[in-house]
Every structure is written in C-alpha cells, then in structure tokens.
Amino acid sequence: MKGEGNTEGQTTSSTAQSLYKSIILEHSSKPHHFFALESYDASATKNNMLCGDEVTIYCRFRGERLEEVSFTGTGCAIMKASASLMTEAVREQTREGVLRMVAQMTDFVNGEDSALAANSPLRALAGVRGFPSRIKCALLPFQALHSALIEVPRS
C-alpha cells in the first residue's frame, strides 16, 4: 500500500545506528591504548586546523608486524573514538596490511561501503559520512598512523 514503508529495514538501520553510537561513546569516553608508548620505533602527530583536534600515534614493530600502537591527543569524541578503534584494529597487522586498512578506511568514510568488511568495528564511524568536517576528525588518527608507518625504515 502506498505510504507503507519497509519498517523492518528501518528498524535494522535504527538498531545499527544505536549500536554505532554506543560504540563511539564507549571509545571516546574510555579510549583504548590512550597513552604514549615508552619505547617506540615511529610516531607522528597530525592536527586538524579547522577544529583544533590533535593526535600523536606511537608505533612499535616486531619485524614487519605492528606489535604495539597507542595514541595521545586532544579533540572531539569522533577523533578519540576513531583513534581508539584504529589502535584495536591494526595491532599485530603487517605494515602493508595497516597501510591497506588506512586506504580502506578513507574510502569507507567517503562513502564506499564495501571498503570495509561487514563485521569491522571501524564501521561504527559510518555516521560521519554526512558531515564533511567530521570525516576529517575520523580520518586524523589514520593520517597520523600513515605518516608514522612511512617514517619508520623497513626491517
């Protein structure tokens, strides 16, 4: 009948949005790996001049694997949640795998839904897509990680 929408699809979308919001709130209020590593192989700091966000990423490698990653910084909930989710996602990945993930995340927040696996926790950042200034907040930690990875010499 005209006027009747797909309420099941709307409910699923609403449920996903609620889940994503709760993940963002959890990671922004209690960010994971929010400290400076005492011993690290590379670090990089990035700033968002538009809003004042700043993040520093610290990386320690074991061969080509990212053994440990952490961050410090100040900024909005999106930036902190993004950095927290990112540090969880990239630990123990190879350098190439992390660089691939940075590219996938950039594509994902810019609208390419298939860029991330359906079960990726990073999908919680999908809500920034409609807000160009928030896309920059979500990508800032990934840009810093990319810079840190480029900085460190290969083993």
N, C-alpha and C. Protein backbone atom coordinates (compact mmCIF):
# COMPACT_ATOMS: atom_id res chain seq x y z
N MET A 1 0.84 -1.18 0.00
CA MET A 1 0.00 0.00 0.00
C MET A 1 0.88 1.24 0.00
N LYS A 2 0.44 2.27 -0.69
CA LYS A 2 1.22 3.49 -0.75
C LYS A 2 1.30 4.10 0.65
N GLY A 3 2.50 4.57 0.99
CA GLY A 3 2.68 5.19 2.29
C GLY A 3 3.24 4.23 3.33
N GLU A 4 3.17 2.91 3.03
CA GLU A 4 3.73 1.95 3.95
C GLU A 4 5.18 1.70 3.57
N GLY A 5 6.06 1.96 4.48
CA GLY A 5 7.49 1.77 4.21
C GLY A 5 7.96 0.42 4.69
N ASN A 6 9.20 0.16 4.46
CA ASN A 6 9.83 -1.07 4.91
C ASN A 6 10.28 -0.86 6.35
N THR A 7 9.39 -1.14 7.28
CA THR A 7 9.70 -0.88 8.68
C THR A 7 10.78 -1.83 9.20
N GLU A 8 10.88 -3.04 8.62
CA GLU A 8 11.91 -3.96 9.07
C GLU A 8 13.29 -3.40 8.73
N GLY A 9 13.48 -2.87 7.52
CA GLY A 9 14.74 -2.26 7.12
C GLY A 9 15.05 -1.02 7.94
N GLN A 10 14.01 -0.25 8.24
CA GLN A 10 14.21 0.95 9.05
C GLN A 10 14.61 0.58 10.47
N THR A 11 14.01 -0.48 11.01
CA THR A 11 14.35 -0.93 12.36
C THR A 11 15.78 -1.43 12.41
N THR A 12 16.20 -2.19 11.40
CA THR A 12 17.56 -2.69 11.33
C THR A 12 18.54 -1.53 11.26
N SER A 13 18.23 -0.55 10.43
CA SER A 13 19.09 0.62 10.29
C SER A 13 19.15 1.39 11.60
N SER A 14 18.02 1.53 12.26
CA SER A 14 17.96 2.24 13.53
C SER A 14 18.75 1.50 14.61
N THR A 15 18.64 0.17 14.61
CA THR A 15 19.39 -0.64 15.57
C THR A 15 20.89 -0.49 15.33
N ALA A 16 21.30 -0.53 14.07
CA ALA A 16 22.72 -0.37 13.73
C ALA A 16 23.21 1.00 14.16
N GLN A 17 22.42 2.04 13.92
CA GLN A 17 22.81 3.39 14.31
C GLN A 17 22.96 3.49 15.82
N SER A 18 22.06 2.88 16.57
CA SER A 18 22.16 2.90 18.03
C SER A 18 23.41 2.18 18.50
N LEU A 19 23.70 1.03 17.88
CA LEU A 19 24.90 0.28 18.23
C LEU A 19 26.14 1.11 17.92
N TYR A 20 26.19 1.73 16.75
CA TYR A 20 27.34 2.54 16.36
C TYR A 20 27.53 3.72 17.31
N LYS A 21 26.43 4.36 17.69
CA LYS A 21 26.52 5.48 18.64
C LYS A 21 27.08 5.02 19.97
N SER A 22 26.64 3.86 20.44
CA SER A 22 27.13 3.38 21.73
C SER A 22 28.62 3.02 21.64
N ILE A 23 29.06 2.47 20.51
CA ILE A 23 30.48 2.15 20.33
C ILE A 23 31.30 3.43 20.32
N ILE A 24 30.83 4.46 19.62
CA ILE A 24 31.55 5.74 19.57
C ILE A 24 31.63 6.34 20.97
N LEU A 25 30.52 6.34 21.70
CA LEU A 25 30.52 6.89 23.06
C LEU A 25 31.46 6.13 23.98
N GLU A 26 31.45 4.80 23.88
CA GLU A 26 32.33 3.98 24.72
C GLU A 26 33.79 4.29 24.43
N HIS A 27 34.16 4.31 23.15
CA HIS A 27 35.56 4.52 22.78
C HIS A 27 36.02 5.96 23.00
N SER A 28 35.10 6.90 22.98
CA SER A 28 35.52 8.29 23.23
C SER A 28 35.64 8.58 24.72
N SER A 29 34.80 7.95 25.53
CA SER A 29 34.86 8.21 26.97
C SER A 29 35.93 7.35 27.66
N LYS A 30 36.19 6.17 27.12
CA LYS A 30 37.22 5.28 27.68
C LYS A 30 38.07 4.74 26.54
N PRO A 31 38.87 5.61 25.93
CA PRO A 31 39.63 5.16 24.76
C PRO A 31 40.65 4.08 25.10
N HIS A 32 40.77 3.12 24.20
CA HIS A 32 41.73 2.05 24.34
C HIS A 32 43.09 2.53 23.84
N HIS A 33 44.16 2.12 24.50
CA HIS A 33 45.54 2.44 24.09
C HIS A 33 45.80 3.95 24.08
N PHE A 34 45.22 4.64 25.04
CA PHE A 34 45.36 6.10 25.14
C PHE A 34 46.50 6.43 26.09
N PHE A 35 47.72 6.33 25.57
CA PHE A 35 48.94 6.63 26.32
C PHE A 35 50.08 6.69 25.33
N ALA A 36 51.18 7.28 25.74
CA ALA A 36 52.38 7.31 24.91
C ALA A 36 53.21 6.07 25.22
N LEU A 37 53.54 5.31 24.21
CA LEU A 37 54.43 4.17 24.42
C LEU A 37 55.77 4.69 24.93
N GLU A 38 56.34 4.01 25.90
CA GLU A 38 57.65 4.41 26.43
C GLU A 38 58.75 4.14 25.41
N SER A 39 58.62 3.06 24.71
CA SER A 39 59.60 2.67 23.70
C SER A 39 58.87 2.46 22.39
N TYR A 40 59.25 3.19 21.35
CA TYR A 40 58.57 3.07 20.07
C TYR A 40 59.55 3.31 18.93
N ASP A 41 59.18 2.79 17.76
CA ASP A 41 60.01 2.90 16.57
C ASP A 41 59.65 4.10 15.71
N ALA A 42 58.42 4.53 15.79
CA ALA A 42 57.96 5.66 14.98
C ALA A 42 56.79 6.34 15.66
N SER A 43 56.66 7.61 15.38
CA SER A 43 55.49 8.36 15.84
C SER A 43 55.22 9.47 14.85
N ALA A 44 54.01 9.96 14.89
CA ALA A 44 53.64 11.09 14.03
C ALA A 44 52.49 11.83 14.69
N THR A 45 52.50 13.14 14.51
CA THR A 45 51.43 13.99 15.05
C THR A 45 50.73 14.67 13.88
N LYS A 46 49.42 14.71 13.95
CA LYS A 46 48.61 15.40 12.95
C LYS A 46 47.63 16.32 13.68
N ASN A 47 47.35 17.44 13.04
CA ASN A 47 46.42 18.43 13.58
C ASN A 47 45.31 18.69 12.58
N ASN A 48 44.13 18.97 13.08
CA ASN A 48 43.03 19.45 12.26
C ASN A 48 42.87 20.93 12.60
N MET A 49 43.35 21.76 11.73
CA MET A 49 43.35 23.21 11.99
C MET A 49 41.93 23.78 12.07
N LEU A 50 40.96 23.11 11.48
CA LEU A 50 39.59 23.63 11.49
C LEU A 50 38.94 23.53 12.87
N CYS A 51 39.23 22.44 13.59
CA CYS A 51 38.56 22.25 14.87
C CYS A 51 39.50 22.18 16.06
N GLY A 52 40.80 22.07 15.81
CA GLY A 52 41.76 22.03 16.90
C GLY A 52 42.13 20.64 17.38
N ASP A 53 41.57 19.60 16.76
CA ASP A 53 41.95 18.23 17.13
C ASP A 53 43.44 18.02 16.88
N GLU A 54 44.08 17.27 17.77
CA GLU A 54 45.48 16.90 17.59
C GLU A 54 45.67 15.48 18.10
N VAL A 55 46.38 14.67 17.35
CA VAL A 55 46.63 13.29 17.75
C VAL A 55 48.07 12.92 17.42
N THR A 56 48.68 12.17 18.33
CA THR A 56 50.00 11.60 18.10
C THR A 56 49.87 10.09 18.21
N ILE A 57 50.40 9.41 17.21
CA ILE A 57 50.37 7.96 17.16
C ILE A 57 51.78 7.44 17.42
N TYR A 58 51.89 6.40 18.24
CA TYR A 58 53.17 5.77 18.58
C TYR A 58 53.12 4.32 18.11
N CYS A 59 54.15 3.88 17.42
CA CYS A 59 54.19 2.52 16.87
C CYS A 59 55.47 1.80 17.27
N ARG A 60 55.31 0.53 17.65
CA ARG A 60 56.47 -0.32 17.91
C ARG A 60 56.30 -1.56 17.04
N PHE A 61 57.35 -1.88 16.31
CA PHE A 61 57.32 -3.01 15.38
C PHE A 61 58.11 -4.19 15.90
N ARG A 62 57.71 -5.36 15.46
CA ARG A 62 58.47 -6.58 15.62
C ARG A 62 58.59 -7.13 14.20
N GLY A 63 59.72 -6.84 13.57
CA GLY A 63 59.86 -7.16 12.16
C GLY A 63 58.93 -6.27 11.35
N GLU A 64 58.10 -6.87 10.53
CA GLU A 64 57.13 -6.13 9.72
C GLU A 64 55.77 -6.00 10.41
N ARG A 65 55.63 -6.57 11.58
CA ARG A 65 54.35 -6.52 12.31
C ARG A 65 54.32 -5.35 13.27
N LEU A 66 53.17 -4.72 13.33
CA LEU A 66 52.93 -3.64 14.28
C LEU A 66 52.60 -4.30 15.62
N GLU A 67 53.60 -4.41 16.45
CA GLU A 67 53.45 -5.12 17.73
C GLU A 67 52.57 -4.34 18.70
N GLU A 68 52.78 -3.02 18.77
CA GLU A 68 52.02 -2.19 19.70
C GLU A 68 51.79 -0.83 19.07
N VAL A 69 50.64 -0.26 19.34
CA VAL A 69 50.29 1.07 18.84
C VAL A 69 49.46 1.76 19.92
N SER A 70 49.73 3.04 20.10
CA SER A 70 48.96 3.81 21.08
C SER A 70 48.81 5.23 20.57
N PHE A 71 48.06 6.04 21.31
CA PHE A 71 47.88 7.43 20.90
C PHE A 71 47.70 8.33 22.10
N THR A 72 48.00 9.59 21.87
CA THR A 72 47.67 10.66 22.81
C THR A 72 47.07 11.78 21.98
N GLY A 73 46.41 12.69 22.65
CA GLY A 73 45.88 13.82 21.91
C GLY A 73 44.68 14.44 22.58
N THR A 74 44.25 15.51 21.98
CA THR A 74 43.06 16.22 22.45
C THR A 74 42.16 16.44 21.25
N GLY A 75 40.87 16.38 21.51
CA GLY A 75 39.95 16.61 20.42
C GLY A 75 38.57 16.10 20.72
N CYS A 76 37.79 16.04 19.68
CA CYS A 76 36.39 15.67 19.80
C CYS A 76 36.21 14.17 20.01
N ALA A 77 35.00 13.80 20.33
CA ALA A 77 34.66 12.40 20.58
C ALA A 77 34.91 11.54 19.35
N ILE A 78 34.64 12.05 18.17
CA ILE A 78 34.85 11.27 16.94
C ILE A 78 36.32 10.96 16.77
N MET A 79 37.19 11.93 16.95
CA MET A 79 38.62 11.71 16.79
C MET A 79 39.12 10.69 17.80
N LYS A 80 38.74 10.83 19.06
CA LYS A 80 39.19 9.89 20.09
C LYS A 80 38.66 8.48 19.83
N ALA A 81 37.39 8.38 19.48
CA ALA A 81 36.82 7.07 19.19
C ALA A 81 37.49 6.44 17.98
N SER A 82 37.75 7.23 16.97
CA SER A 82 38.42 6.73 15.78
C SER A 82 39.81 6.21 16.11
N ALA A 83 40.57 6.97 16.88
CA ALA A 83 41.92 6.54 17.27
C ALA A 83 41.86 5.26 18.11
N SER A 84 40.91 5.18 19.02
CA SER A 84 40.76 4.01 19.88
C SER A 84 40.40 2.78 19.05
N LEU A 85 39.42 2.91 18.17
CA LEU A 85 39.02 1.80 17.31
C LEU A 85 40.17 1.39 16.39
N MET A 86 40.89 2.37 15.88
CA MET A 86 42.00 2.10 14.97
C MET A 86 43.10 1.31 15.68
N THR A 87 43.45 1.71 16.90
CA THR A 87 44.53 1.01 17.60
C THR A 87 44.16 -0.45 17.85
N GLU A 88 42.89 -0.71 18.08
CA GLU A 88 42.44 -2.10 18.25
C GLU A 88 42.54 -2.87 16.94
N ALA A 89 42.18 -2.22 15.85
CA ALA A 89 42.10 -2.90 14.55
C ALA A 89 43.46 -3.20 13.94
N VAL A 90 44.46 -2.39 14.21
CA VAL A 90 45.73 -2.54 13.49
C VAL A 90 46.81 -3.32 14.25
N ARG A 91 46.61 -3.55 15.51
CA ARG A 91 47.62 -4.29 16.29
C ARG A 91 47.87 -5.66 15.68
N GLU A 92 49.14 -6.02 15.61
CA GLU A 92 49.61 -7.30 15.09
C GLU A 92 49.42 -7.45 13.58
N GLN A 93 49.07 -6.38 12.90
CA GLN A 93 48.96 -6.41 11.44
C GLN A 93 50.33 -6.12 10.83
N THR A 94 50.54 -6.55 9.60
CA THR A 94 51.77 -6.21 8.89
C THR A 94 51.70 -4.75 8.46
N ARG A 95 52.85 -4.19 8.17
CA ARG A 95 52.91 -2.81 7.69
C ARG A 95 52.02 -2.65 6.45
N GLU A 96 52.12 -3.58 5.50
CA GLU A 96 51.31 -3.49 4.29
C GLU A 96 49.82 -3.60 4.61
N GLY A 97 49.48 -4.48 5.54
CA GLY A 97 48.09 -4.62 5.95
C GLY A 97 47.53 -3.36 6.58
N VAL A 98 48.36 -2.70 7.39
CA VAL A 98 47.93 -1.46 8.03
C VAL A 98 47.76 -0.36 6.98
N LEU A 99 48.69 -0.25 6.06
CA LEU A 99 48.56 0.76 5.00
C LEU A 99 47.31 0.51 4.17
N ARG A 100 47.00 -0.76 3.91
CA ARG A 100 45.78 -1.11 3.18
C ARG A 100 44.55 -0.70 3.98
N MET A 101 44.58 -0.94 5.30
CA MET A 101 43.45 -0.58 6.15
C MET A 101 43.23 0.94 6.18
N VAL A 102 44.32 1.70 6.19
CA VAL A 102 44.21 3.17 6.16
C VAL A 102 43.49 3.60 4.88
N ALA A 103 43.87 3.01 3.76
CA ALA A 103 43.22 3.33 2.48
C ALA A 103 41.76 2.90 2.48
N GLN A 104 41.49 1.72 3.02
CA GLN A 104 40.11 1.23 3.08
C GLN A 104 39.24 2.13 3.95
N MET A 105 39.79 2.58 5.06
CA MET A 105 39.03 3.45 5.95
C MET A 105 38.71 4.77 5.27
N THR A 106 39.68 5.31 4.57
CA THR A 106 39.46 6.57 3.84
C THR A 106 38.34 6.39 2.82
N ASP A 107 38.38 5.29 2.07
CA ASP A 107 37.33 5.02 1.09
C ASP A 107 35.98 4.82 1.78
N PHE A 108 35.97 4.12 2.90
CA PHE A 108 34.73 3.84 3.61
C PHE A 108 34.05 5.11 4.09
N VAL A 109 34.77 5.97 4.80
CA VAL A 109 34.11 7.17 5.34
C VAL A 109 33.73 8.15 4.22
N ASN A 110 34.34 7.98 3.06
CA ASN A 110 33.96 8.81 1.91
C ASN A 110 32.86 8.17 1.08
N GLY A 111 32.22 7.12 1.62
CA GLY A 111 31.01 6.58 1.00
C GLY A 111 31.10 5.22 0.36
N GLU A 112 32.27 4.61 0.27
CA GLU A 112 32.40 3.30 -0.36
C GLU A 112 32.16 2.21 0.69
N ASP A 113 30.92 1.81 0.81
CA ASP A 113 30.51 0.88 1.86
C ASP A 113 31.26 -0.44 1.82
N SER A 114 31.60 -0.92 0.64
CA SER A 114 32.26 -2.21 0.52
C SER A 114 33.75 -2.17 0.86
N ALA A 115 34.28 -1.00 1.20
CA ALA A 115 35.71 -0.88 1.50
C ALA A 115 36.10 -1.59 2.79
N LEU A 116 35.16 -1.72 3.72
CA LEU A 116 35.43 -2.42 4.99
C LEU A 116 34.56 -3.67 5.08
N ALA A 117 35.09 -4.69 5.72
CA ALA A 117 34.33 -5.92 5.94
C ALA A 117 33.07 -5.60 6.75
N ALA A 118 32.04 -6.36 6.51
CA ALA A 118 30.75 -6.13 7.17
C ALA A 118 30.86 -6.22 8.69
N ASN A 119 31.80 -7.00 9.21
CA ASN A 119 31.93 -7.17 10.65
C ASN A 119 33.01 -6.28 11.27
N SER A 120 33.56 -5.36 10.51
CA SER A 120 34.63 -4.50 11.02
C SER A 120 34.08 -3.51 12.05
N PRO A 121 34.71 -3.45 13.23
CA PRO A 121 34.29 -2.46 14.24
C PRO A 121 34.46 -1.02 13.75
N LEU A 122 35.32 -0.82 12.77
CA LEU A 122 35.52 0.53 12.22
C LEU A 122 34.27 1.07 11.52
N ARG A 123 33.34 0.19 11.19
CA ARG A 123 32.09 0.61 10.55
C ARG A 123 31.27 1.51 11.48
N ALA A 124 31.59 1.51 12.77
CA ALA A 124 30.90 2.38 13.72
C ALA A 124 31.08 3.84 13.34
N LEU A 125 32.10 4.13 12.54
CA LEU A 125 32.36 5.52 12.14
C LEU A 125 31.58 5.94 10.89
N ALA A 126 30.67 5.10 10.43
CA ALA A 126 29.88 5.41 9.23
C ALA A 126 29.06 6.69 9.38
N GLY A 127 28.68 7.02 10.59
CA GLY A 127 27.85 8.20 10.83
C GLY A 127 28.48 9.51 10.43
N VAL A 128 29.79 9.53 10.24
CA VAL A 128 30.46 10.79 9.87
C VAL A 128 30.27 11.13 8.41
N ARG A 129 29.83 10.18 7.63
CA ARG A 129 29.72 10.37 6.17
C ARG A 129 28.91 11.60 5.78
N GLY A 130 27.88 11.89 6.51
CA GLY A 130 27.02 13.02 6.18
C GLY A 130 27.55 14.36 6.65
N PHE A 131 28.70 14.36 7.29
CA PHE A 131 29.25 15.58 7.87
C PHE A 131 30.71 15.73 7.46
N PRO A 132 30.98 16.45 6.37
CA PRO A 132 32.36 16.55 5.86
C PRO A 132 33.39 16.98 6.90
N SER A 133 33.03 17.86 7.82
CA SER A 133 34.01 18.27 8.82
C SER A 133 34.30 17.13 9.80
N ARG A 134 33.36 16.24 10.01
CA ARG A 134 33.56 15.09 10.91
C ARG A 134 34.39 13.99 10.23
N ILE A 135 34.32 13.92 8.91
CA ILE A 135 35.16 12.96 8.18
C ILE A 135 36.62 13.25 8.49
N LYS A 136 36.98 14.51 8.53
CA LYS A 136 38.36 14.89 8.84
C LYS A 136 38.74 14.45 10.25
N CYS A 137 37.81 14.56 11.19
CA CYS A 137 38.07 14.13 12.57
C CYS A 137 38.30 12.62 12.62
N ALA A 138 37.48 11.86 11.91
CA ALA A 138 37.58 10.41 11.91
C ALA A 138 38.86 9.93 11.24
N LEU A 139 39.31 10.64 10.22
CA LEU A 139 40.49 10.20 9.48
C LEU A 139 41.81 10.70 10.08
N LEU A 140 41.77 11.67 10.97
CA LEU A 140 43.01 12.24 11.52
C LEU A 140 43.93 11.18 12.14
N PRO A 141 43.44 10.27 12.97
CA PRO A 141 44.34 9.24 13.52
C PRO A 141 44.93 8.34 12.43
N PHE A 142 44.14 8.04 11.41
CA PHE A 142 44.62 7.20 10.31
C PHE A 142 45.71 7.92 9.51
N GLN A 143 45.56 9.22 9.34
CA GLN A 143 46.59 10.00 8.65
C GLN A 143 47.88 10.03 9.46
N ALA A 144 47.76 10.15 10.77
CA ALA A 144 48.95 10.13 11.62
C ALA A 144 49.62 8.76 11.59
N LEU A 145 48.82 7.71 11.62
CA LEU A 145 49.37 6.36 11.53
C LEU A 145 50.10 6.16 10.21
N HIS A 146 49.50 6.61 9.14
CA HIS A 146 50.13 6.51 7.82
C HIS A 146 51.48 7.22 7.82
N SER A 147 51.53 8.42 8.36
CA SER A 147 52.80 9.16 8.44
C SER A 147 53.83 8.42 9.27
N ALA A 148 53.41 7.84 10.38
CA ALA A 148 54.34 7.07 11.23
C ALA A 148 54.88 5.86 10.48
N LEU A 149 54.02 5.17 9.73
CA LEU A 149 54.45 3.98 9.00
C LEU A 149 55.43 4.32 7.89
N ILE A 150 55.22 5.45 7.26
CA ILE A 150 56.11 5.88 6.18
C ILE A 150 57.47 6.27 6.76
N GLU A 151 57.46 6.80 7.98
CA GLU A 151 58.68 7.29 8.63
C GLU A 151 59.64 6.18 9.01
N VAL A 152 59.13 5.06 9.49
CA VAL A 152 59.99 4.01 10.05
C VAL A 152 60.63 3.18 8.91
N PRO A 153 61.93 2.94 9.01
CA PRO A 153 62.60 2.13 7.97
C PRO A 153 62.12 0.69 8.00
N ARG A 154 62.12 0.06 6.85
CA ARG A 154 61.72 -1.36 6.76
C ARG A 154 62.80 -2.22 7.41
N SER A 155 62.36 -3.31 7.98
CA SER A 155 63.29 -4.26 8.62
C SER A 155 64.06 -5.04 7.58
